[in-house]
Amino acid sequence: MLGGARSGKSAHAEGLLTEATVTYVATARRYPDDPDWDARIALHVARRPSTWHTVEASAPADLPALLTATQYEDPPILVDDLSTWLVGVLDEAQAWEGDGSEAIARDVDHLVRSIATCRARLVLVTAEVGLGVIPSTRSGRLFRDHLGALNARVAEVCDEVTLLVAGIPLKLR
């Protein structure tokens, strides 16, 4: 499930899972002194059913490890979202100030392999940021380029790919 900011991608992904028990994997890091970010996280938390189990996977290695450890009988997993996971990868690789391409490639490869071999039902949410203008900052271009490449790699191993535009799901595969 990919889409732009405020496209409804998270809510749509949540609506795909009708099971009583779901493992919700939150990839966003919490930042001290950022009440806006905390409020956004709180909205997502409030929307989830109380029977869903939340796992915070804010370190890059957390998400692939969780997906690799799944069994067929495990409840479905909803990952929200790959773009905030990638921010953590870029942070840890210190890519904002330097190169970090080797560490980024390693983490992305590990994630794609874990998605491809995940045995539980898996719903992924990610941002689509490549449809607009080219960002004017190095960090904006770095994020956009790496996220576009990550989304393409993930789409290759997914059975279904949906793009949400203005709240309307468009099935790509």
N, C-alpha and C. Protein backbone atom coordinates (compact mmCIF):
# COMPACT_ATOMS: atom_id res chain seq x y z
N MET A 1 0.85 -1.15 0.00
CA MET A 1 0.00 0.00 0.00
C MET A 1 0.90 1.22 0.00
N LEU A 2 0.89 1.96 -1.11
CA LEU A 2 1.68 3.17 -1.10
C LEU A 2 0.82 4.36 -1.50
N GLY A 3 1.23 5.51 -1.05
CA GLY A 3 0.50 6.73 -1.37
C GLY A 3 1.20 7.93 -0.80
N GLY A 4 0.70 9.09 -1.18
CA GLY A 4 1.28 10.34 -0.71
C GLY A 4 0.82 10.68 0.70
N ALA A 5 1.29 11.82 1.18
CA ALA A 5 0.93 12.29 2.51
C ALA A 5 -0.58 12.50 2.60
N ARG A 6 -1.16 12.01 3.67
CA ARG A 6 -2.59 12.17 3.96
C ARG A 6 -3.50 11.59 2.86
N SER A 7 -2.99 10.57 2.18
CA SER A 7 -3.79 9.93 1.13
C SER A 7 -4.76 8.90 1.68
N GLY A 8 -4.60 8.51 2.94
CA GLY A 8 -5.45 7.50 3.54
C GLY A 8 -4.85 6.11 3.49
N LYS A 9 -3.57 6.01 3.17
CA LYS A 9 -2.94 4.70 2.99
C LYS A 9 -2.95 3.86 4.27
N SER A 10 -2.67 4.47 5.41
CA SER A 10 -2.65 3.69 6.66
C SER A 10 -4.04 3.19 7.02
N ALA A 11 -5.03 4.07 6.96
CA ALA A 11 -6.40 3.67 7.29
C ALA A 11 -6.89 2.59 6.32
N HIS A 12 -6.56 2.72 5.05
CA HIS A 12 -6.99 1.71 4.08
C HIS A 12 -6.33 0.36 4.38
N ALA A 13 -5.04 0.39 4.70
CA ALA A 13 -4.33 -0.85 5.03
C ALA A 13 -4.94 -1.49 6.27
N GLU A 14 -5.27 -0.69 7.27
CA GLU A 14 -5.90 -1.22 8.48
C GLU A 14 -7.24 -1.87 8.15
N GLY A 15 -7.98 -1.28 7.23
CA GLY A 15 -9.28 -1.81 6.84
C GLY A 15 -9.21 -3.13 6.09
N LEU A 16 -8.05 -3.45 5.55
CA LEU A 16 -7.88 -4.73 4.84
C LEU A 16 -7.82 -5.91 5.80
N LEU A 17 -7.54 -5.63 7.06
CA LEU A 17 -7.36 -6.69 8.05
C LEU A 17 -8.58 -6.77 8.94
N THR A 18 -9.36 -7.81 8.73
CA THR A 18 -10.60 -7.98 9.50
C THR A 18 -10.44 -8.96 10.66
N GLU A 19 -9.27 -9.56 10.77
CA GLU A 19 -9.01 -10.50 11.85
C GLU A 19 -9.02 -9.76 13.19
N ALA A 20 -9.42 -10.46 14.22
CA ALA A 20 -9.46 -9.85 15.56
C ALA A 20 -8.06 -9.53 16.07
N THR A 21 -7.12 -10.41 15.76
CA THR A 21 -5.76 -10.22 16.23
C THR A 21 -4.85 -9.90 15.05
N VAL A 22 -4.13 -8.80 15.18
CA VAL A 22 -3.18 -8.37 14.16
C VAL A 22 -1.94 -7.87 14.90
N THR A 23 -0.78 -8.13 14.34
CA THR A 23 0.45 -7.54 14.86
C THR A 23 0.72 -6.27 14.06
N TYR A 24 0.64 -5.15 14.74
CA TYR A 24 0.88 -3.84 14.12
C TYR A 24 2.31 -3.43 14.42
N VAL A 25 3.12 -3.30 13.37
CA VAL A 25 4.52 -2.95 13.55
C VAL A 25 4.69 -1.47 13.22
N ALA A 26 4.99 -0.70 14.25
CA ALA A 26 5.21 0.74 14.11
C ALA A 26 6.70 1.00 13.95
N THR A 27 7.07 1.64 12.85
CA THR A 27 8.49 1.84 12.57
C THR A 27 8.99 3.24 12.89
N ALA A 28 8.08 4.13 13.26
CA ALA A 28 8.48 5.52 13.51
C ALA A 28 9.29 5.63 14.79
N ARG A 29 10.32 6.44 14.73
CA ARG A 29 11.09 6.77 15.92
C ARG A 29 10.40 7.94 16.61
N ARG A 30 10.48 7.94 17.92
CA ARG A 30 9.95 9.08 18.68
C ARG A 30 11.09 10.07 18.89
N TYR A 31 10.77 11.34 18.71
CA TYR A 31 11.77 12.39 18.86
C TYR A 31 11.40 13.28 20.03
N PRO A 32 12.32 13.47 20.97
CA PRO A 32 12.01 14.34 22.11
C PRO A 32 11.71 15.76 21.61
N ASP A 33 10.81 16.41 22.29
CA ASP A 33 10.46 17.79 21.98
C ASP A 33 9.82 17.95 20.59
N ASP A 34 9.09 16.94 20.14
CA ASP A 34 8.35 17.06 18.87
C ASP A 34 6.89 16.68 19.12
N PRO A 35 6.10 17.59 19.70
CA PRO A 35 4.72 17.27 20.04
C PRO A 35 3.86 16.98 18.81
N ASP A 36 4.18 17.58 17.67
CA ASP A 36 3.41 17.29 16.45
C ASP A 36 3.57 15.83 16.05
N TRP A 37 4.79 15.32 16.11
CA TRP A 37 5.05 13.92 15.76
C TRP A 37 4.34 12.99 16.75
N ASP A 38 4.41 13.34 18.04
CA ASP A 38 3.72 12.56 19.06
C ASP A 38 2.22 12.53 18.81
N ALA A 39 1.64 13.64 18.38
CA ALA A 39 0.20 13.71 18.10
C ALA A 39 -0.15 12.83 16.90
N ARG A 40 0.70 12.82 15.90
CA ARG A 40 0.46 11.95 14.72
C ARG A 40 0.48 10.48 15.12
N ILE A 41 1.44 10.11 15.95
CA ILE A 41 1.52 8.73 16.43
C ILE A 41 0.28 8.40 17.25
N ALA A 42 -0.15 9.31 18.10
CA ALA A 42 -1.33 9.07 18.94
C ALA A 42 -2.58 8.84 18.11
N LEU A 43 -2.73 9.54 17.00
CA LEU A 43 -3.88 9.33 16.11
C LEU A 43 -3.89 7.91 15.56
N HIS A 44 -2.74 7.43 15.17
CA HIS A 44 -2.64 6.06 14.65
C HIS A 44 -2.96 5.05 15.75
N VAL A 45 -2.46 5.29 16.94
CA VAL A 45 -2.70 4.37 18.06
C VAL A 45 -4.20 4.33 18.39
N ALA A 46 -4.84 5.48 18.44
CA ALA A 46 -6.26 5.56 18.80
C ALA A 46 -7.16 4.86 17.79
N ARG A 47 -6.72 4.79 16.55
CA ARG A 47 -7.54 4.19 15.49
C ARG A 47 -7.50 2.66 15.51
N ARG A 48 -6.48 2.08 16.12
CA ARG A 48 -6.31 0.63 16.10
C ARG A 48 -7.23 -0.06 17.10
N PRO A 49 -7.77 -1.23 16.73
CA PRO A 49 -8.57 -2.01 17.69
C PRO A 49 -7.72 -2.43 18.89
N SER A 50 -8.36 -2.55 20.02
CA SER A 50 -7.65 -2.90 21.26
C SER A 50 -7.09 -4.33 21.22
N THR A 51 -7.59 -5.17 20.31
CA THR A 51 -7.12 -6.55 20.22
C THR A 51 -5.83 -6.67 19.39
N TRP A 52 -5.44 -5.58 18.76
CA TRP A 52 -4.21 -5.61 17.97
C TRP A 52 -3.01 -5.44 18.90
N HIS A 53 -1.96 -6.17 18.58
CA HIS A 53 -0.71 -6.11 19.36
C HIS A 53 0.27 -5.19 18.62
N THR A 54 0.76 -4.17 19.30
CA THR A 54 1.69 -3.22 18.69
C THR A 54 3.12 -3.57 19.06
N VAL A 55 3.98 -3.59 18.05
CA VAL A 55 5.41 -3.81 18.22
C VAL A 55 6.12 -2.59 17.64
N GLU A 56 6.98 -1.98 18.41
CA GLU A 56 7.76 -0.86 17.90
C GLU A 56 9.06 -1.39 17.35
N ALA A 57 9.27 -1.14 16.06
CA ALA A 57 10.48 -1.60 15.38
C ALA A 57 11.20 -0.38 14.83
N SER A 58 11.72 0.44 15.73
CA SER A 58 12.32 1.69 15.30
C SER A 58 13.79 1.56 14.90
N ALA A 59 14.43 0.46 15.23
CA ALA A 59 15.80 0.22 14.78
C ALA A 59 15.74 -0.55 13.47
N PRO A 60 16.60 -0.24 12.50
CA PRO A 60 16.54 -0.90 11.19
C PRO A 60 16.54 -2.42 11.24
N ALA A 61 17.27 -3.03 12.16
CA ALA A 61 17.35 -4.49 12.22
C ALA A 61 16.10 -5.11 12.81
N ASP A 62 15.31 -4.34 13.55
CA ASP A 62 14.12 -4.89 14.22
C ASP A 62 13.10 -5.47 13.23
N LEU A 63 12.82 -4.74 12.16
CA LEU A 63 11.77 -5.16 11.23
C LEU A 63 12.13 -6.44 10.48
N PRO A 64 13.29 -6.54 9.84
CA PRO A 64 13.62 -7.81 9.18
C PRO A 64 13.65 -8.99 10.14
N ALA A 65 14.13 -8.78 11.35
CA ALA A 65 14.18 -9.87 12.34
C ALA A 65 12.78 -10.35 12.68
N LEU A 66 11.86 -9.43 12.87
CA LEU A 66 10.47 -9.80 13.19
C LEU A 66 9.84 -10.57 12.03
N LEU A 67 10.02 -10.09 10.80
CA LEU A 67 9.41 -10.76 9.64
C LEU A 67 10.01 -12.14 9.40
N THR A 68 11.29 -12.28 9.63
CA THR A 68 11.97 -13.55 9.41
C THR A 68 11.51 -14.60 10.42
N ALA A 69 11.13 -14.17 11.60
CA ALA A 69 10.75 -15.10 12.67
C ALA A 69 9.29 -15.57 12.57
N THR A 70 8.55 -15.13 11.58
CA THR A 70 7.12 -15.47 11.50
C THR A 70 6.88 -16.93 11.15
N GLN A 71 5.70 -17.39 11.54
CA GLN A 71 5.22 -18.72 11.20
C GLN A 71 3.89 -18.57 10.44
N TYR A 72 3.50 -19.61 9.72
CA TYR A 72 2.26 -19.56 8.93
C TYR A 72 1.03 -19.30 9.81
N GLU A 73 1.04 -19.81 11.01
CA GLU A 73 -0.13 -19.68 11.89
C GLU A 73 -0.17 -18.35 12.64
N ASP A 74 0.85 -17.52 12.48
CA ASP A 74 0.88 -16.22 13.17
C ASP A 74 -0.21 -15.30 12.65
N PRO A 75 -0.66 -14.36 13.48
CA PRO A 75 -1.65 -13.39 13.01
C PRO A 75 -1.06 -12.53 11.90
N PRO A 76 -1.91 -11.90 11.11
CA PRO A 76 -1.40 -11.01 10.06
C PRO A 76 -0.56 -9.89 10.66
N ILE A 77 0.33 -9.37 9.84
CA ILE A 77 1.22 -8.28 10.26
C ILE A 77 0.96 -7.07 9.38
N LEU A 78 0.81 -5.93 10.02
CA LEU A 78 0.70 -4.65 9.31
C LEU A 78 1.91 -3.81 9.69
N VAL A 79 2.71 -3.44 8.70
CA VAL A 79 3.89 -2.60 8.93
C VAL A 79 3.56 -1.18 8.47
N ASP A 80 3.65 -0.24 9.40
CA ASP A 80 3.35 1.16 9.07
C ASP A 80 4.47 2.02 9.63
N ASP A 81 5.41 2.47 8.86
CA ASP A 81 5.52 2.28 7.45
C ASP A 81 6.97 2.16 7.03
N LEU A 82 7.19 1.77 5.78
CA LEU A 82 8.56 1.56 5.31
C LEU A 82 9.33 2.86 5.15
N SER A 83 8.66 3.96 4.91
CA SER A 83 9.39 5.23 4.76
C SER A 83 9.99 5.69 6.08
N THR A 84 9.27 5.51 7.19
CA THR A 84 9.88 5.88 8.48
C THR A 84 10.97 4.87 8.86
N TRP A 85 10.81 3.61 8.45
CA TRP A 85 11.88 2.63 8.65
C TRP A 85 13.14 3.10 7.92
N LEU A 86 12.97 3.57 6.68
CA LEU A 86 14.11 4.03 5.89
C LEU A 86 14.80 5.23 6.53
N VAL A 87 14.05 6.13 7.13
CA VAL A 87 14.66 7.26 7.84
C VAL A 87 15.63 6.74 8.90
N GLY A 88 15.21 5.70 9.62
CA GLY A 88 16.11 5.10 10.62
C GLY A 88 17.36 4.52 10.00
N VAL A 89 17.20 3.88 8.84
CA VAL A 89 18.36 3.33 8.13
C VAL A 89 19.31 4.45 7.73
N LEU A 90 18.77 5.53 7.17
CA LEU A 90 19.60 6.66 6.76
C LEU A 90 20.27 7.32 7.96
N ASP A 91 19.53 7.42 9.07
CA ASP A 91 20.12 7.97 10.30
C ASP A 91 21.31 7.14 10.75
N GLU A 92 21.10 5.82 10.86
CA GLU A 92 22.15 4.94 11.38
C GLU A 92 23.35 4.86 10.45
N ALA A 93 23.13 5.02 9.14
CA ALA A 93 24.23 5.00 8.18
C ALA A 93 24.92 6.35 8.09
N GLN A 94 24.40 7.33 8.82
CA GLN A 94 24.90 8.71 8.78
C GLN A 94 24.93 9.23 7.34
N ALA A 95 23.92 8.84 6.58
CA ALA A 95 23.85 9.18 5.17
C ALA A 95 23.52 10.64 4.93
N TRP A 96 22.90 11.28 5.92
CA TRP A 96 22.53 12.69 5.73
C TRP A 96 23.77 13.56 5.56
N GLU A 97 24.87 13.18 6.22
CA GLU A 97 26.10 13.97 6.15
C GLU A 97 27.16 13.32 5.25
N GLY A 98 27.02 12.04 4.98
CA GLY A 98 28.04 11.34 4.22
C GLY A 98 27.43 10.39 3.21
N ASP A 99 28.13 9.31 2.95
CA ASP A 99 27.68 8.37 1.93
C ASP A 99 26.77 7.30 2.53
N GLY A 100 27.33 6.36 3.26
CA GLY A 100 26.55 5.32 3.92
C GLY A 100 25.91 4.32 2.99
N SER A 101 26.24 4.36 1.70
CA SER A 101 25.53 3.53 0.72
C SER A 101 25.68 2.04 0.98
N GLU A 102 26.83 1.60 1.48
CA GLU A 102 27.03 0.17 1.74
C GLU A 102 26.10 -0.31 2.85
N ALA A 103 26.00 0.45 3.92
CA ALA A 103 25.12 0.08 5.04
C ALA A 103 23.66 0.14 4.62
N ILE A 104 23.30 1.13 3.83
CA ILE A 104 21.92 1.27 3.36
C ILE A 104 21.55 0.07 2.49
N ALA A 105 22.43 -0.28 1.55
CA ALA A 105 22.17 -1.42 0.66
C ALA A 105 22.02 -2.71 1.46
N ARG A 106 22.86 -2.90 2.48
CA ARG A 106 22.79 -4.10 3.31
C ARG A 106 21.44 -4.18 4.03
N ASP A 107 21.02 -3.07 4.64
CA ASP A 107 19.75 -3.06 5.38
C ASP A 107 18.56 -3.26 4.45
N VAL A 108 18.57 -2.62 3.29
CA VAL A 108 17.47 -2.78 2.33
C VAL A 108 17.42 -4.21 1.82
N ASP A 109 18.57 -4.79 1.47
CA ASP A 109 18.60 -6.19 1.02
C ASP A 109 18.02 -7.11 2.08
N HIS A 110 18.41 -6.90 3.33
CA HIS A 110 17.92 -7.73 4.43
C HIS A 110 16.41 -7.60 4.55
N LEU A 111 15.90 -6.38 4.46
CA LEU A 111 14.45 -6.17 4.56
C LEU A 111 13.71 -6.85 3.41
N VAL A 112 14.18 -6.67 2.20
CA VAL A 112 13.50 -7.26 1.03
C VAL A 112 13.48 -8.78 1.14
N ARG A 113 14.58 -9.37 1.56
CA ARG A 113 14.61 -10.84 1.75
C ARG A 113 13.62 -11.27 2.82
N SER A 114 13.52 -10.51 3.89
CA SER A 114 12.60 -10.89 4.97
C SER A 114 11.14 -10.74 4.53
N ILE A 115 10.85 -9.77 3.71
CA ILE A 115 9.49 -9.61 3.17
C ILE A 115 9.17 -10.78 2.25
N ALA A 116 10.11 -11.13 1.39
CA ALA A 116 9.90 -12.21 0.42
C ALA A 116 9.68 -13.56 1.10
N THR A 117 10.25 -13.75 2.28
CA THR A 117 10.15 -15.04 2.96
C THR A 117 9.21 -15.03 4.16
N CYS A 118 8.56 -13.91 4.42
CA CYS A 118 7.64 -13.82 5.56
C CYS A 118 6.52 -14.84 5.39
N ARG A 119 6.26 -15.62 6.42
CA ARG A 119 5.26 -16.69 6.32
C ARG A 119 3.87 -16.25 6.76
N ALA A 120 3.76 -15.15 7.48
CA ALA A 120 2.44 -14.64 7.89
C ALA A 120 1.90 -13.73 6.79
N ARG A 121 0.59 -13.49 6.82
CA ARG A 121 0.02 -12.50 5.91
C ARG A 121 0.62 -11.15 6.26
N LEU A 122 1.05 -10.41 5.26
CA LEU A 122 1.79 -9.17 5.49
C LEU A 122 1.19 -8.04 4.67
N VAL A 123 0.88 -6.94 5.34
CA VAL A 123 0.41 -5.72 4.68
C VAL A 123 1.42 -4.63 5.01
N LEU A 124 1.95 -4.01 3.97
CA LEU A 124 2.98 -2.98 4.13
C LEU A 124 2.43 -1.63 3.71
N VAL A 125 2.79 -0.59 4.44
CA VAL A 125 2.45 0.78 4.10
C VAL A 125 3.74 1.52 3.82
N THR A 126 3.74 2.33 2.77
CA THR A 126 4.91 3.14 2.45
C THR A 126 4.47 4.41 1.73
N ALA A 127 5.30 5.41 1.79
CA ALA A 127 5.00 6.68 1.13
C ALA A 127 5.47 6.63 -0.32
N GLU A 128 4.75 7.34 -1.17
CA GLU A 128 5.17 7.56 -2.55
C GLU A 128 5.56 9.03 -2.63
N VAL A 129 6.84 9.29 -2.80
CA VAL A 129 7.31 10.68 -2.83
C VAL A 129 7.94 11.06 -4.16
N GLY A 130 7.89 10.19 -5.12
CA GLY A 130 8.57 10.43 -6.39
C GLY A 130 7.71 11.05 -7.48
N LEU A 131 6.50 11.45 -7.16
CA LEU A 131 5.61 12.00 -8.19
C LEU A 131 5.66 13.53 -8.28
N GLY A 132 6.37 14.16 -7.36
CA GLY A 132 6.41 15.62 -7.32
C GLY A 132 7.69 16.16 -7.92
N VAL A 133 7.99 17.39 -7.57
CA VAL A 133 9.20 18.04 -8.06
C VAL A 133 10.42 17.43 -7.41
N ILE A 134 11.55 17.62 -8.02
CA ILE A 134 12.81 17.16 -7.44
C ILE A 134 13.11 18.05 -6.23
N PRO A 135 13.32 17.45 -5.06
CA PRO A 135 13.60 18.26 -3.87
C PRO A 135 14.83 19.15 -4.07
N SER A 136 14.79 20.31 -3.48
CA SER A 136 15.89 21.27 -3.64
C SER A 136 17.06 21.01 -2.70
N THR A 137 16.86 20.14 -1.71
CA THR A 137 17.94 19.86 -0.75
C THR A 137 18.53 18.47 -1.00
N ARG A 138 19.79 18.33 -0.60
CA ARG A 138 20.45 17.03 -0.74
C ARG A 138 19.71 15.97 0.06
N SER A 139 19.32 16.30 1.30
CA SER A 139 18.64 15.31 2.14
C SER A 139 17.29 14.91 1.53
N GLY A 140 16.58 15.85 0.95
CA GLY A 140 15.31 15.53 0.31
C GLY A 140 15.49 14.61 -0.89
N ARG A 141 16.51 14.90 -1.70
CA ARG A 141 16.79 14.04 -2.86
C ARG A 141 17.26 12.66 -2.41
N LEU A 142 18.09 12.62 -1.37
CA LEU A 142 18.59 11.35 -0.84
C LEU A 142 17.43 10.47 -0.39
N PHE A 143 16.54 11.04 0.41
CA PHE A 143 15.39 10.28 0.89
C PHE A 143 14.50 9.83 -0.27
N ARG A 144 14.16 10.75 -1.16
CA ARG A 144 13.29 10.42 -2.29
C ARG A 144 13.88 9.31 -3.14
N ASP A 145 15.16 9.41 -3.45
CA ASP A 145 15.79 8.40 -4.30
C ASP A 145 15.86 7.03 -3.62
N HIS A 146 16.25 7.01 -2.36
CA HIS A 146 16.33 5.73 -1.65
C HIS A 146 14.95 5.12 -1.43
N LEU A 147 13.95 5.95 -1.13
CA LEU A 147 12.61 5.41 -0.95
C LEU A 147 12.04 4.88 -2.25
N GLY A 148 12.26 5.58 -3.35
CA GLY A 148 11.80 5.08 -4.65
C GLY A 148 12.42 3.73 -4.97
N ALA A 149 13.72 3.59 -4.71
CA ALA A 149 14.40 2.31 -4.97
C ALA A 149 13.87 1.22 -4.03
N LEU A 150 13.67 1.57 -2.75
CA LEU A 150 13.12 0.59 -1.79
C LEU A 150 11.73 0.15 -2.22
N ASN A 151 10.86 1.09 -2.56
CA ASN A 151 9.50 0.74 -2.97
C ASN A 151 9.50 -0.17 -4.19
N ALA A 152 10.38 0.10 -5.16
CA ALA A 152 10.45 -0.75 -6.35
C ALA A 152 10.90 -2.16 -5.99
N ARG A 153 11.89 -2.28 -5.12
CA ARG A 153 12.38 -3.60 -4.72
C ARG A 153 11.31 -4.38 -3.96
N VAL A 154 10.60 -3.69 -3.06
CA VAL A 154 9.55 -4.34 -2.29
C VAL A 154 8.41 -4.78 -3.21
N ALA A 155 8.03 -3.92 -4.15
CA ALA A 155 6.94 -4.26 -5.08
C ALA A 155 7.27 -5.53 -5.88
N GLU A 156 8.53 -5.74 -6.18
CA GLU A 156 8.94 -6.94 -6.93
C GLU A 156 8.59 -8.23 -6.20
N VAL A 157 8.59 -8.21 -4.86
CA VAL A 157 8.38 -9.44 -4.09
C VAL A 157 6.98 -9.51 -3.48
N CYS A 158 6.13 -8.54 -3.77
CA CYS A 158 4.76 -8.54 -3.23
C CYS A 158 3.76 -9.09 -4.24
N ASP A 159 2.76 -9.79 -3.74
CA ASP A 159 1.71 -10.33 -4.60
C ASP A 159 0.77 -9.24 -5.10
N GLU A 160 0.51 -8.25 -4.25
CA GLU A 160 -0.39 -7.16 -4.61
C GLU A 160 0.28 -5.83 -4.30
N VAL A 161 0.02 -4.85 -5.16
CA VAL A 161 0.53 -3.50 -4.94
C VAL A 161 -0.61 -2.54 -5.22
N THR A 162 -0.91 -1.66 -4.25
CA THR A 162 -2.00 -0.70 -4.36
C THR A 162 -1.47 0.69 -4.10
N LEU A 163 -1.87 1.62 -4.94
CA LEU A 163 -1.53 3.04 -4.77
C LEU A 163 -2.78 3.77 -4.34
N LEU A 164 -2.69 4.53 -3.26
CA LEU A 164 -3.82 5.33 -2.80
C LEU A 164 -3.63 6.78 -3.24
N VAL A 165 -4.61 7.30 -3.95
CA VAL A 165 -4.59 8.70 -4.40
C VAL A 165 -5.90 9.32 -3.97
N ALA A 166 -5.82 10.38 -3.18
CA ALA A 166 -7.01 11.08 -2.70
C ALA A 166 -8.02 10.13 -2.05
N GLY A 167 -7.49 9.15 -1.32
CA GLY A 167 -8.34 8.20 -0.63
C GLY A 167 -8.90 7.08 -1.50
N ILE A 168 -8.52 7.06 -2.77
CA ILE A 168 -9.04 6.06 -3.71
C ILE A 168 -7.93 5.04 -4.01
N PRO A 169 -8.21 3.75 -3.71
CA PRO A 169 -7.20 2.73 -3.99
C PRO A 169 -7.16 2.37 -5.48
N LEU A 170 -5.96 2.36 -6.03
CA LEU A 170 -5.74 1.97 -7.42
C LEU A 170 -4.86 0.73 -7.41
N LYS A 171 -5.41 -0.40 -7.83
CA LYS A 171 -4.65 -1.65 -7.81
C LYS A 171 -3.65 -1.64 -8.97
N LEU A 172 -2.38 -1.72 -8.62
CA LEU A 172 -1.33 -1.77 -9.62
C LEU A 172 -0.97 -3.21 -10.00
N ARG A 173 -1.07 -4.09 -9.02
CA ARG A 173 -0.88 -5.53 -9.23
C ARG A 173 -1.76 -6.26 -8.26
